[in-house]
Each structure stands twice: as C-alpha cells, then as structure tokens.
Amino acid sequence: MKIFAFVDMHGSLTALKKLVEKIKKKKPKVIVCAGDISIFEQKLDYFIERLSKFNIPFLIIPGNHESEEMLRKACSLSKDAYYLHGQVYDKFDNYLFIGFGGGGFSDRDKKFEKWSKKLKINKDKKVILVLHQPPYKTKLDKLDSTYAGNKSYRKFVDNNKIDLVICGHLHENAGKEDKINKTFLINPGPFGKIIDI
C-alpha cells in the first residue's frame, strides 16, 4: 500500500502547495497527517477541506496545535476526512490504522495507556500506528544527548506487532527514520513522504 504521510505543516501555504502537488503526482491509497496541520487552529477547516479533495481517505490526529473538539468538527465537514484520534480505521482489507494524538510534552501518556489496553489488534493485518509525539529512545526523539519521546508509546510498540509508526512533533528530526525491532518509524516532515508498506 502506498501511504502519503506528513506532520507539522503548521499552516504553511508553501507546504500545503507541495503536499497537494505530491498527492496528485504520486496517487497514494491514503493520506495521513500526524498532527499540527495548523497554528493553533487558524484556517483549520480550510486545510482539512483542501487535503480531502482527492477521493482518497485522509486520516488525521490532533497535534499540540489542535484541540480534539475542533479537529473532529473540521473532519465532519468532509466525506473523506477521518478523525483518527483514539480510533481505529480498518476499511482496507490488509491494513489497520491506529491513531492517538495531542500532547507531545510528557514522557508518559496515561490516557493512551488506558485506551490502548482495550485495543484488539488483528495480527493478520499490517498495523500502522499514527502518533504526534515519537516513542522514546529512537533517532526520532533524540535531541543532542537526550531523548524527548514518550515511554508509554515505546512500551506499546515493544509489546505489540506494529509494522509502521508515523509521528513528528520534534521539527529538528523531520525526515528521520529508525527501527524498533521490526517496527519501522518515520517522521515524514511538513512536505510529506510516500511510504510503501
């Protein structure tokens, strides 16, 4: 499956233009945003509407610049935008998307820990986890000699069969990739990347 993923666009019209061009050219099966599409929700409806005009599912979670309520409302205005926070998207035969956004500044996420215990993961499907903050102790959360990722997310990845993690939040690490065992991790950055899985 060809996934087009991006994160931390922060309302950039330059980034939006490049994203639209790449989506038209690459023709992915699904578009994924790992949060912070806006700057504190300015023009949020416009960005959602613009990126859900391709008759392709557009899955999005909030970052630390979008509230759950406002993002859910913006997604409800488009037939192809899907609010993925705290949700599972299983409309592709062999792929399962799990999303949990928001935050980005703590080393643990108690809400995620509680929510993820109820998840039933189909091990026959490829599992894509979409987060805003990266899991702890990878190239995606390393800042100088310290790590700024989330230990709750890391534990979840360590204990489950996750094929791909799409995340961001730390702009310094845009474009970086890493692995946790067999799990591939990527921060696709604001201009987006195609991921074949």
N, C-alpha and C. Protein backbone atom coordinates (compact mmCIF):
# COMPACT_ATOMS: atom_id res chain seq x y z
N MET A 1 0.84 -1.20 0.00
CA MET A 1 0.00 0.00 0.00
C MET A 1 0.87 1.25 0.00
N LYS A 2 0.47 2.23 -0.78
CA LYS A 2 1.20 3.49 -0.86
C LYS A 2 0.52 4.52 0.05
N ILE A 3 1.23 4.92 1.10
CA ILE A 3 0.73 5.90 2.07
C ILE A 3 1.47 7.21 1.84
N PHE A 4 0.72 8.31 1.82
CA PHE A 4 1.37 9.62 1.80
C PHE A 4 1.19 10.23 3.18
N ALA A 5 2.30 10.43 3.91
CA ALA A 5 2.24 10.92 5.29
C ALA A 5 2.96 12.25 5.43
N PHE A 6 2.43 13.09 6.32
CA PHE A 6 3.09 14.35 6.65
C PHE A 6 2.74 14.73 8.09
N VAL A 7 3.49 15.70 8.63
CA VAL A 7 3.28 16.15 10.01
C VAL A 7 3.86 17.55 10.16
N ASP A 8 3.37 18.29 11.12
CA ASP A 8 3.95 19.60 11.49
C ASP A 8 3.96 20.59 10.33
N MET A 9 2.87 20.63 9.58
CA MET A 9 2.75 21.61 8.49
C MET A 9 2.62 23.02 9.06
N HIS A 10 1.96 23.14 10.19
CA HIS A 10 1.82 24.42 10.91
C HIS A 10 1.32 25.56 10.02
N GLY A 11 0.32 25.27 9.22
CA GLY A 11 -0.33 26.32 8.44
C GLY A 11 0.49 26.89 7.30
N SER A 12 1.56 26.25 6.91
CA SER A 12 2.41 26.77 5.83
C SER A 12 1.73 26.56 4.48
N LEU A 13 1.48 27.66 3.79
CA LEU A 13 0.88 27.57 2.46
C LEU A 13 1.86 26.98 1.45
N THR A 14 3.15 27.21 1.67
CA THR A 14 4.18 26.59 0.82
C THR A 14 4.14 25.07 0.96
N ALA A 15 4.07 24.60 2.22
CA ALA A 15 3.99 23.16 2.45
C ALA A 15 2.70 22.59 1.87
N LEU A 16 1.59 23.30 2.04
CA LEU A 16 0.31 22.84 1.50
C LEU A 16 0.39 22.66 -0.01
N LYS A 17 0.97 23.63 -0.70
CA LYS A 17 1.10 23.56 -2.15
C LYS A 17 1.93 22.33 -2.56
N LYS A 18 3.04 22.09 -1.85
CA LYS A 18 3.89 20.94 -2.17
C LYS A 18 3.17 19.62 -1.87
N LEU A 19 2.42 19.58 -0.77
CA LEU A 19 1.67 18.37 -0.44
C LEU A 19 0.66 18.04 -1.53
N VAL A 20 -0.09 19.06 -1.95
CA VAL A 20 -1.10 18.87 -2.99
C VAL A 20 -0.45 18.36 -4.29
N GLU A 21 0.68 18.96 -4.67
CA GLU A 21 1.38 18.53 -5.89
C GLU A 21 1.82 17.07 -5.79
N LYS A 22 2.39 16.70 -4.64
CA LYS A 22 2.88 15.33 -4.46
C LYS A 22 1.73 14.33 -4.45
N ILE A 23 0.62 14.68 -3.82
CA ILE A 23 -0.53 13.78 -3.78
C ILE A 23 -1.05 13.54 -5.20
N LYS A 24 -1.17 14.61 -5.99
CA LYS A 24 -1.65 14.47 -7.37
C LYS A 24 -0.70 13.60 -8.20
N LYS A 25 0.59 13.78 -7.99
CA LYS A 25 1.60 13.07 -8.78
C LYS A 25 1.73 11.60 -8.34
N LYS A 26 1.77 11.36 -7.04
CA LYS A 26 2.08 10.02 -6.51
C LYS A 26 0.85 9.11 -6.39
N LYS A 27 -0.34 9.70 -6.32
CA LYS A 27 -1.60 8.94 -6.24
C LYS A 27 -1.58 7.85 -5.15
N PRO A 28 -1.45 8.26 -3.89
CA PRO A 28 -1.44 7.27 -2.80
C PRO A 28 -2.82 6.68 -2.56
N LYS A 29 -2.87 5.59 -1.80
CA LYS A 29 -4.15 4.96 -1.40
C LYS A 29 -4.76 5.68 -0.22
N VAL A 30 -3.91 6.32 0.60
CA VAL A 30 -4.38 7.00 1.81
C VAL A 30 -3.42 8.14 2.13
N ILE A 31 -3.98 9.21 2.74
CA ILE A 31 -3.19 10.35 3.20
C ILE A 31 -3.27 10.35 4.72
N VAL A 32 -2.13 10.53 5.38
CA VAL A 32 -2.08 10.51 6.84
C VAL A 32 -1.37 11.75 7.36
N CYS A 33 -2.00 12.45 8.30
CA CYS A 33 -1.38 13.59 8.98
C CYS A 33 -1.24 13.25 10.46
N ALA A 34 -0.01 13.33 10.97
CA ALA A 34 0.27 13.01 12.37
C ALA A 34 0.21 14.24 13.28
N GLY A 35 -0.60 15.21 12.90
CA GLY A 35 -0.86 16.36 13.77
C GLY A 35 -0.15 17.64 13.39
N ASP A 36 -0.58 18.72 14.05
CA ASP A 36 -0.06 20.07 13.84
C ASP A 36 -0.14 20.50 12.38
N ILE A 37 -1.33 20.32 11.82
CA ILE A 37 -1.59 20.80 10.46
C ILE A 37 -1.72 22.33 10.46
N SER A 38 -2.07 22.89 11.63
CA SER A 38 -2.35 24.33 11.74
C SER A 38 -1.44 24.98 12.78
N ILE A 39 -1.59 26.29 12.90
CA ILE A 39 -1.01 27.03 14.03
C ILE A 39 -2.21 27.42 14.89
N PHE A 40 -2.37 26.71 15.99
CA PHE A 40 -3.48 26.94 16.93
C PHE A 40 -4.83 27.12 16.22
N GLU A 41 -5.08 26.19 15.29
CA GLU A 41 -6.37 26.02 14.61
C GLU A 41 -6.72 27.11 13.61
N GLN A 42 -5.79 28.02 13.30
CA GLN A 42 -6.07 29.03 12.28
C GLN A 42 -6.23 28.34 10.93
N LYS A 43 -7.30 28.64 10.22
CA LYS A 43 -7.60 28.08 8.90
C LYS A 43 -7.70 26.55 8.92
N LEU A 44 -8.02 25.98 10.06
CA LEU A 44 -8.08 24.52 10.19
C LEU A 44 -9.07 23.91 9.18
N ASP A 45 -10.28 24.48 9.10
CA ASP A 45 -11.27 23.95 8.16
C ASP A 45 -10.76 23.99 6.72
N TYR A 46 -10.05 25.06 6.37
CA TYR A 46 -9.53 25.20 5.01
C TYR A 46 -8.52 24.10 4.70
N PHE A 47 -7.58 23.85 5.63
CA PHE A 47 -6.55 22.83 5.38
C PHE A 47 -7.16 21.43 5.27
N ILE A 48 -8.13 21.13 6.13
CA ILE A 48 -8.79 19.82 6.07
C ILE A 48 -9.52 19.67 4.74
N GLU A 49 -10.25 20.71 4.38
CA GLU A 49 -11.02 20.68 3.12
C GLU A 49 -10.10 20.53 1.92
N ARG A 50 -8.97 21.24 1.94
CA ARG A 50 -8.04 21.22 0.80
C ARG A 50 -7.37 19.86 0.61
N LEU A 51 -7.11 19.18 1.74
CA LEU A 51 -6.40 17.90 1.66
C LEU A 51 -7.35 16.70 1.62
N SER A 52 -8.63 16.97 1.58
CA SER A 52 -9.58 15.85 1.46
C SER A 52 -10.40 15.98 0.19
N LYS A 53 -9.79 16.52 -0.85
CA LYS A 53 -10.46 16.71 -2.14
C LYS A 53 -10.05 15.69 -3.19
N PHE A 54 -9.42 14.61 -2.79
CA PHE A 54 -8.82 13.71 -3.78
C PHE A 54 -9.55 12.37 -3.90
N ASN A 55 -10.69 12.24 -3.23
CA ASN A 55 -11.39 10.95 -3.18
C ASN A 55 -10.48 9.85 -2.64
N ILE A 56 -9.64 10.23 -1.69
CA ILE A 56 -8.72 9.33 -1.00
C ILE A 56 -8.96 9.52 0.49
N PRO A 57 -9.03 8.47 1.28
CA PRO A 57 -9.18 8.67 2.72
C PRO A 57 -8.05 9.53 3.28
N PHE A 58 -8.42 10.53 4.08
CA PHE A 58 -7.47 11.43 4.72
C PHE A 58 -7.61 11.24 6.22
N LEU A 59 -6.65 10.55 6.83
CA LEU A 59 -6.68 10.24 8.25
C LEU A 59 -5.83 11.25 9.00
N ILE A 60 -6.36 11.80 10.09
CA ILE A 60 -5.64 12.85 10.80
C ILE A 60 -5.87 12.76 12.31
N ILE A 61 -4.81 13.06 13.05
CA ILE A 61 -4.90 13.17 14.50
C ILE A 61 -4.53 14.60 14.90
N PRO A 62 -4.93 15.04 16.08
CA PRO A 62 -4.50 16.36 16.53
C PRO A 62 -3.06 16.32 17.00
N GLY A 63 -2.37 17.45 16.84
CA GLY A 63 -1.06 17.62 17.46
C GLY A 63 -1.26 18.42 18.72
N ASN A 64 -0.28 19.23 19.07
CA ASN A 64 -0.46 20.12 20.21
C ASN A 64 -0.98 21.49 19.78
N HIS A 65 -1.28 21.66 18.48
CA HIS A 65 -1.86 22.91 17.98
C HIS A 65 -3.34 22.77 17.63
N GLU A 66 -3.91 21.58 17.79
CA GLU A 66 -5.33 21.39 17.51
C GLU A 66 -6.00 20.73 18.71
N SER A 67 -7.18 21.23 19.04
CA SER A 67 -7.96 20.56 20.09
C SER A 67 -8.71 19.39 19.46
N GLU A 68 -9.03 18.41 20.26
CA GLU A 68 -9.79 17.26 19.77
C GLU A 68 -11.13 17.72 19.20
N GLU A 69 -11.79 18.60 19.93
CA GLU A 69 -13.13 19.06 19.52
C GLU A 69 -13.12 19.77 18.17
N MET A 70 -12.19 20.71 17.99
CA MET A 70 -12.16 21.48 16.75
C MET A 70 -11.74 20.62 15.55
N LEU A 71 -10.80 19.71 15.77
CA LEU A 71 -10.37 18.85 14.67
C LEU A 71 -11.48 17.88 14.27
N ARG A 72 -12.16 17.32 15.26
CA ARG A 72 -13.28 16.41 14.97
C ARG A 72 -14.35 17.15 14.15
N LYS A 73 -14.64 18.38 14.55
CA LYS A 73 -15.64 19.18 13.84
C LYS A 73 -15.20 19.46 12.40
N ALA A 74 -13.95 19.84 12.22
CA ALA A 74 -13.43 20.13 10.87
C ALA A 74 -13.50 18.89 9.99
N CYS A 75 -13.19 17.73 10.55
CA CYS A 75 -13.25 16.48 9.78
C CYS A 75 -14.68 16.12 9.40
N SER A 76 -15.62 16.46 10.25
CA SER A 76 -17.02 16.11 9.98
C SER A 76 -17.58 16.84 8.76
N LEU A 77 -16.90 17.89 8.31
CA LEU A 77 -17.37 18.67 7.16
C LEU A 77 -16.95 18.07 5.82
N SER A 78 -16.12 17.02 5.88
CA SER A 78 -15.65 16.41 4.63
C SER A 78 -15.92 14.91 4.64
N LYS A 79 -16.36 14.39 3.51
CA LYS A 79 -16.68 12.95 3.45
C LYS A 79 -15.42 12.08 3.48
N ASP A 80 -14.27 12.62 3.09
CA ASP A 80 -13.05 11.81 3.04
C ASP A 80 -12.10 12.04 4.20
N ALA A 81 -12.36 13.03 5.07
CA ALA A 81 -11.51 13.26 6.24
C ALA A 81 -11.98 12.37 7.37
N TYR A 82 -11.05 11.68 8.00
CA TYR A 82 -11.37 10.77 9.10
C TYR A 82 -10.57 11.16 10.34
N TYR A 83 -11.28 11.48 11.40
CA TYR A 83 -10.67 11.85 12.67
C TYR A 83 -10.18 10.57 13.34
N LEU A 84 -8.86 10.38 13.38
CA LEU A 84 -8.28 9.10 13.80
C LEU A 84 -7.89 9.05 15.28
N HIS A 85 -7.95 10.17 15.99
CA HIS A 85 -7.52 10.17 17.40
C HIS A 85 -8.40 9.25 18.24
N GLY A 86 -7.76 8.29 18.92
CA GLY A 86 -8.50 7.36 19.76
C GLY A 86 -9.39 6.44 18.96
N GLN A 87 -9.04 6.23 17.69
CA GLN A 87 -9.87 5.43 16.79
C GLN A 87 -9.01 4.41 16.04
N VAL A 88 -9.70 3.49 15.41
CA VAL A 88 -9.08 2.51 14.53
C VAL A 88 -9.76 2.63 13.17
N TYR A 89 -8.97 2.67 12.10
CA TYR A 89 -9.51 2.72 10.74
C TYR A 89 -9.14 1.41 10.07
N ASP A 90 -10.17 0.61 9.78
CA ASP A 90 -9.92 -0.74 9.24
C ASP A 90 -10.66 -0.99 7.92
N LYS A 91 -10.76 0.05 7.10
CA LYS A 91 -11.52 -0.09 5.86
C LYS A 91 -10.70 -0.61 4.69
N PHE A 92 -9.42 -0.90 4.93
CA PHE A 92 -8.59 -1.56 3.92
C PHE A 92 -8.45 -3.02 4.34
N ASP A 93 -8.51 -3.93 3.37
CA ASP A 93 -8.51 -5.35 3.68
C ASP A 93 -7.36 -5.80 4.58
N ASN A 94 -6.16 -5.42 4.26
CA ASN A 94 -4.99 -5.97 4.97
C ASN A 94 -4.24 -4.96 5.82
N TYR A 95 -4.87 -3.82 6.10
CA TYR A 95 -4.20 -2.75 6.84
C TYR A 95 -5.09 -2.20 7.94
N LEU A 96 -4.46 -1.89 9.07
CA LEU A 96 -5.17 -1.36 10.23
C LEU A 96 -4.44 -0.10 10.69
N PHE A 97 -5.14 1.02 10.73
CA PHE A 97 -4.56 2.27 11.19
C PHE A 97 -5.07 2.58 12.59
N ILE A 98 -4.16 2.87 13.50
CA ILE A 98 -4.49 3.21 14.88
C ILE A 98 -3.94 4.61 15.13
N GLY A 99 -4.76 5.50 15.69
CA GLY A 99 -4.30 6.87 15.90
C GLY A 99 -4.47 7.35 17.33
N PHE A 100 -3.47 8.11 17.78
CA PHE A 100 -3.57 8.76 19.09
C PHE A 100 -2.70 10.01 19.06
N GLY A 101 -3.34 11.17 19.16
CA GLY A 101 -2.61 12.42 19.03
C GLY A 101 -2.61 13.28 20.27
N GLY A 102 -2.34 14.56 20.04
CA GLY A 102 -2.29 15.52 21.13
C GLY A 102 -0.98 15.47 21.89
N GLY A 103 -0.90 16.30 22.89
CA GLY A 103 0.25 16.29 23.80
C GLY A 103 1.56 16.57 23.10
N GLY A 104 2.56 15.80 23.49
CA GLY A 104 3.88 15.96 22.88
C GLY A 104 4.93 16.41 23.87
N PHE A 105 4.52 16.68 25.10
CA PHE A 105 5.48 17.25 26.05
C PHE A 105 5.68 16.41 27.31
N SER A 106 5.11 15.22 27.36
CA SER A 106 5.28 14.40 28.57
C SER A 106 5.97 13.09 28.22
N ASP A 107 6.60 12.49 29.22
CA ASP A 107 7.28 11.23 28.94
C ASP A 107 6.37 10.02 29.12
N ARG A 108 5.16 10.26 29.63
CA ARG A 108 4.16 9.19 29.75
C ARG A 108 2.80 9.73 29.34
N ASP A 109 1.92 8.84 28.86
CA ASP A 109 0.58 9.24 28.44
C ASP A 109 -0.40 8.25 29.04
N LYS A 110 -0.94 8.61 30.21
CA LYS A 110 -1.86 7.72 30.94
C LYS A 110 -3.14 7.45 30.16
N LYS A 111 -3.63 8.47 29.43
CA LYS A 111 -4.85 8.27 28.62
C LYS A 111 -4.61 7.22 27.54
N PHE A 112 -3.44 7.31 26.89
CA PHE A 112 -3.10 6.32 25.87
C PHE A 112 -2.97 4.94 26.48
N GLU A 113 -2.31 4.84 27.62
CA GLU A 113 -2.13 3.55 28.28
C GLU A 113 -3.48 2.89 28.57
N LYS A 114 -4.41 3.66 29.10
CA LYS A 114 -5.74 3.14 29.42
C LYS A 114 -6.49 2.74 28.15
N TRP A 115 -6.46 3.60 27.14
CA TRP A 115 -7.17 3.35 25.88
C TRP A 115 -6.59 2.15 25.16
N SER A 116 -5.26 2.06 25.10
CA SER A 116 -4.62 1.01 24.30
C SER A 116 -4.83 -0.39 24.88
N LYS A 117 -5.13 -0.48 26.17
CA LYS A 117 -5.39 -1.79 26.78
C LYS A 117 -6.65 -2.44 26.21
N LYS A 118 -7.56 -1.62 25.69
CA LYS A 118 -8.82 -2.13 25.13
C LYS A 118 -8.71 -2.50 23.65
N LEU A 119 -7.58 -2.15 23.04
CA LEU A 119 -7.43 -2.39 21.60
C LEU A 119 -7.34 -3.88 21.29
N LYS A 120 -8.00 -4.27 20.22
CA LYS A 120 -7.88 -5.62 19.69
C LYS A 120 -7.15 -5.49 18.35
N ILE A 121 -5.90 -5.92 18.32
CA ILE A 121 -5.10 -5.78 17.10
C ILE A 121 -5.13 -7.09 16.31
N ASN A 122 -5.60 -7.01 15.08
CA ASN A 122 -5.64 -8.16 14.19
C ASN A 122 -4.23 -8.42 13.67
N LYS A 123 -3.62 -9.50 14.12
CA LYS A 123 -2.23 -9.79 13.77
C LYS A 123 -2.05 -10.21 12.32
N ASP A 124 -3.15 -10.47 11.62
CA ASP A 124 -3.05 -10.82 10.20
C ASP A 124 -2.94 -9.59 9.31
N LYS A 125 -3.16 -8.42 9.90
CA LYS A 125 -3.09 -7.18 9.12
C LYS A 125 -1.80 -6.43 9.40
N LYS A 126 -1.39 -5.61 8.45
CA LYS A 126 -0.30 -4.68 8.69
C LYS A 126 -0.85 -3.57 9.58
N VAL A 127 -0.14 -3.25 10.65
CA VAL A 127 -0.62 -2.27 11.62
C VAL A 127 0.21 -1.00 11.54
N ILE A 128 -0.49 0.13 11.31
CA ILE A 128 0.15 1.44 11.22
C ILE A 128 -0.32 2.26 12.40
N LEU A 129 0.61 2.69 13.24
CA LEU A 129 0.32 3.50 14.42
C LEU A 129 0.68 4.94 14.11
N VAL A 130 -0.30 5.84 14.26
CA VAL A 130 -0.10 7.26 13.99
C VAL A 130 -0.13 8.02 15.32
N LEU A 131 0.99 8.64 15.65
CA LEU A 131 1.15 9.39 16.90
C LEU A 131 1.65 10.79 16.58
N HIS A 132 1.45 11.72 17.52
CA HIS A 132 2.09 13.02 17.30
C HIS A 132 3.51 13.00 17.87
N GLN A 133 3.63 12.68 19.13
CA GLN A 133 4.95 12.60 19.78
C GLN A 133 5.58 11.25 19.46
N PRO A 134 6.89 11.21 19.22
CA PRO A 134 7.53 9.92 18.92
C PRO A 134 7.69 9.04 20.15
N PRO A 135 7.81 7.73 19.93
CA PRO A 135 8.16 6.83 21.02
C PRO A 135 9.56 7.15 21.55
N TYR A 136 9.79 6.77 22.76
CA TYR A 136 11.04 7.07 23.47
C TYR A 136 12.24 6.31 22.91
N LYS A 137 13.37 7.00 22.92
CA LYS A 137 14.70 6.44 22.64
C LYS A 137 14.88 5.90 21.23
N THR A 138 14.70 6.78 20.25
CA THR A 138 14.99 6.47 18.84
C THR A 138 15.64 7.71 18.23
N LYS A 139 16.00 7.62 16.96
CA LYS A 139 16.54 8.79 16.25
C LYS A 139 15.48 9.88 16.11
N LEU A 140 14.21 9.52 16.23
CA LEU A 140 13.13 10.48 16.02
C LEU A 140 12.86 11.36 17.23
N ASP A 141 13.35 10.95 18.40
CA ASP A 141 13.13 11.78 19.60
C ASP A 141 14.43 12.25 20.24
N LYS A 142 15.55 11.98 19.59
CA LYS A 142 16.85 12.37 20.16
C LYS A 142 17.12 13.85 19.88
N LEU A 143 17.40 14.59 20.95
CA LEU A 143 17.77 16.00 20.85
C LEU A 143 19.10 16.15 21.57
N ASP A 144 20.15 16.41 20.84
CA ASP A 144 21.51 16.41 21.38
C ASP A 144 21.78 15.07 22.04
N SER A 145 21.99 15.04 23.33
CA SER A 145 22.30 13.76 24.00
C SER A 145 21.13 13.23 24.83
N THR A 146 19.96 13.86 24.71
CA THR A 146 18.80 13.41 25.49
C THR A 146 17.69 12.94 24.57
N TYR A 147 16.70 12.27 25.15
CA TYR A 147 15.55 11.77 24.41
C TYR A 147 14.29 12.44 24.93
N ALA A 148 13.43 12.90 24.00
CA ALA A 148 12.23 13.64 24.36
C ALA A 148 10.96 12.89 23.97
N GLY A 149 11.07 11.59 23.74
CA GLY A 149 9.92 10.80 23.32
C GLY A 149 9.08 10.31 24.49
N ASN A 150 8.06 9.54 24.15
CA ASN A 150 7.09 9.08 25.13
C ASN A 150 7.30 7.60 25.44
N LYS A 151 7.47 7.29 26.73
CA LYS A 151 7.73 5.92 27.17
C LYS A 151 6.49 5.03 27.07
N SER A 152 5.30 5.61 27.18
CA SER A 152 4.07 4.82 27.02
C SER A 152 3.96 4.30 25.59
N TYR A 153 4.29 5.14 24.62
CA TYR A 153 4.24 4.72 23.21
C TYR A 153 5.31 3.68 22.93
N ARG A 154 6.48 3.87 23.51
CA ARG A 154 7.57 2.91 23.30
C ARG A 154 7.19 1.53 23.83
N LYS A 155 6.60 1.50 25.01
CA LYS A 155 6.19 0.22 25.61
C LYS A 155 5.15 -0.47 24.74
N PHE A 156 4.22 0.31 24.19
CA PHE A 156 3.18 -0.25 23.33
C PHE A 156 3.80 -0.86 22.07
N VAL A 157 4.75 -0.16 21.47
CA VAL A 157 5.42 -0.67 20.27
C VAL A 157 6.23 -1.92 20.62
N ASP A 158 6.92 -1.89 21.74
CA ASP A 158 7.72 -3.05 22.17
C ASP A 158 6.85 -4.29 22.38
N ASN A 159 5.62 -4.09 22.85
CA ASN A 159 4.77 -5.22 23.25
C ASN A 159 3.73 -5.65 22.22
N ASN A 160 3.71 -5.00 21.07
CA ASN A 160 2.71 -5.33 20.04
C ASN A 160 3.36 -5.42 18.67
N LYS A 161 2.66 -6.10 17.75
CA LYS A 161 3.15 -6.22 16.38
C LYS A 161 2.70 -4.98 15.61
N ILE A 162 3.56 -3.98 15.61
CA ILE A 162 3.30 -2.75 14.87
C ILE A 162 4.28 -2.72 13.70
N ASP A 163 3.77 -2.53 12.50
CA ASP A 163 4.63 -2.53 11.32
C ASP A 163 5.24 -1.17 11.03
N LEU A 164 4.46 -0.12 11.31
CA LEU A 164 4.90 1.23 10.96
C LEU A 164 4.39 2.22 12.00
N VAL A 165 5.27 3.15 12.42
CA VAL A 165 4.88 4.27 13.27
C VAL A 165 5.15 5.55 12.49
N ILE A 166 4.10 6.38 12.35
CA ILE A 166 4.22 7.70 11.72
C ILE A 166 4.05 8.71 12.85
N CYS A 167 5.03 9.60 13.03
CA CYS A 167 4.96 10.57 14.12
C CYS A 167 5.76 11.82 13.75
N GLY A 168 5.80 12.79 14.65
CA GLY A 168 6.52 14.03 14.39
C GLY A 168 6.81 14.79 15.65
N HIS A 169 6.30 16.02 15.71
CA HIS A 169 6.38 16.92 16.86
C HIS A 169 7.75 17.59 16.99
N LEU A 170 8.81 16.83 16.88
CA LEU A 170 10.15 17.40 17.02
C LEU A 170 10.66 17.79 15.63
N HIS A 171 10.53 19.06 15.32
CA HIS A 171 10.82 19.55 13.97
C HIS A 171 12.27 19.28 13.57
N GLU A 172 13.15 19.26 14.56
CA GLU A 172 14.57 19.02 14.28
C GLU A 172 14.81 17.66 13.64
N ASN A 173 13.86 16.75 13.85
CA ASN A 173 14.04 15.38 13.36
C ASN A 173 13.18 15.05 12.14
N ALA A 174 12.66 16.08 11.49
CA ALA A 174 11.86 15.87 10.27
C ALA A 174 12.69 15.11 9.25
N GLY A 175 12.08 14.08 8.67
CA GLY A 175 12.75 13.27 7.65
C GLY A 175 13.51 12.08 8.20
N LYS A 176 13.67 12.00 9.51
CA LYS A 176 14.43 10.90 10.09
C LYS A 176 13.62 9.61 10.14
N GLU A 177 14.35 8.51 10.08
CA GLU A 177 13.75 7.17 10.13
C GLU A 177 14.53 6.33 11.13
N ASP A 178 13.89 5.31 11.67
CA ASP A 178 14.56 4.40 12.61
C ASP A 178 13.75 3.12 12.68
N LYS A 179 14.23 2.18 13.48
CA LYS A 179 13.51 0.92 13.71
C LYS A 179 13.54 0.59 15.19
N ILE A 180 12.45 0.02 15.66
CA ILE A 180 12.39 -0.63 16.98
C ILE A 180 12.09 -2.09 16.66
N ASN A 181 13.09 -2.95 16.80
CA ASN A 181 12.96 -4.34 16.37
C ASN A 181 12.52 -4.37 14.91
N LYS A 182 11.32 -4.91 14.61
CA LYS A 182 10.86 -4.96 13.21
C LYS A 182 9.95 -3.80 12.84
N THR A 183 9.72 -2.88 13.77
CA THR A 183 8.83 -1.75 13.52
C THR A 183 9.61 -0.60 12.88
N PHE A 184 9.13 -0.14 11.72
CA PHE A 184 9.74 0.99 11.03
C PHE A 184 9.09 2.27 11.53
N LEU A 185 9.91 3.28 11.86
CA LEU A 185 9.42 4.57 12.35
C LEU A 185 9.86 5.66 11.40
N ILE A 186 8.98 6.65 11.20
CA ILE A 186 9.32 7.77 10.33
C ILE A 186 8.66 9.05 10.81
N ASN A 187 9.44 10.14 10.75
CA ASN A 187 8.91 11.49 10.89
C ASN A 187 8.92 12.05 9.47
N PRO A 188 7.76 12.08 8.80
CA PRO A 188 7.74 12.46 7.38
C PRO A 188 7.91 13.95 7.11
N GLY A 189 7.85 14.79 8.16
CA GLY A 189 8.05 16.21 8.00
C GLY A 189 6.88 16.92 7.32
N PRO A 190 6.97 18.24 7.19
CA PRO A 190 5.85 19.04 6.68
C PRO A 190 5.60 18.91 5.18
N PHE A 191 6.61 18.44 4.41
CA PHE A 191 6.43 18.32 2.97
C PHE A 191 6.02 16.92 2.56
N GLY A 192 5.97 16.00 3.52
CA GLY A 192 5.43 14.67 3.29
C GLY A 192 6.35 13.70 2.60
N LYS A 193 6.04 12.43 2.80
CA LYS A 193 6.80 11.33 2.17
C LYS A 193 5.84 10.22 1.80
N ILE A 194 6.19 9.53 0.73
CA ILE A 194 5.49 8.30 0.36
C ILE A 194 6.13 7.15 1.12
N ILE A 195 5.29 6.33 1.72
CA ILE A 195 5.76 5.14 2.42
C ILE A 195 5.05 3.94 1.78
N ASP A 196 5.83 2.99 1.29
CA ASP A 196 5.26 1.76 0.72
C ASP A 196 5.32 0.69 1.77
N ILE A 197 4.17 0.13 2.10
CA ILE A 197 4.14 -0.92 3.13
C ILE A 197 3.24 -2.06 2.65
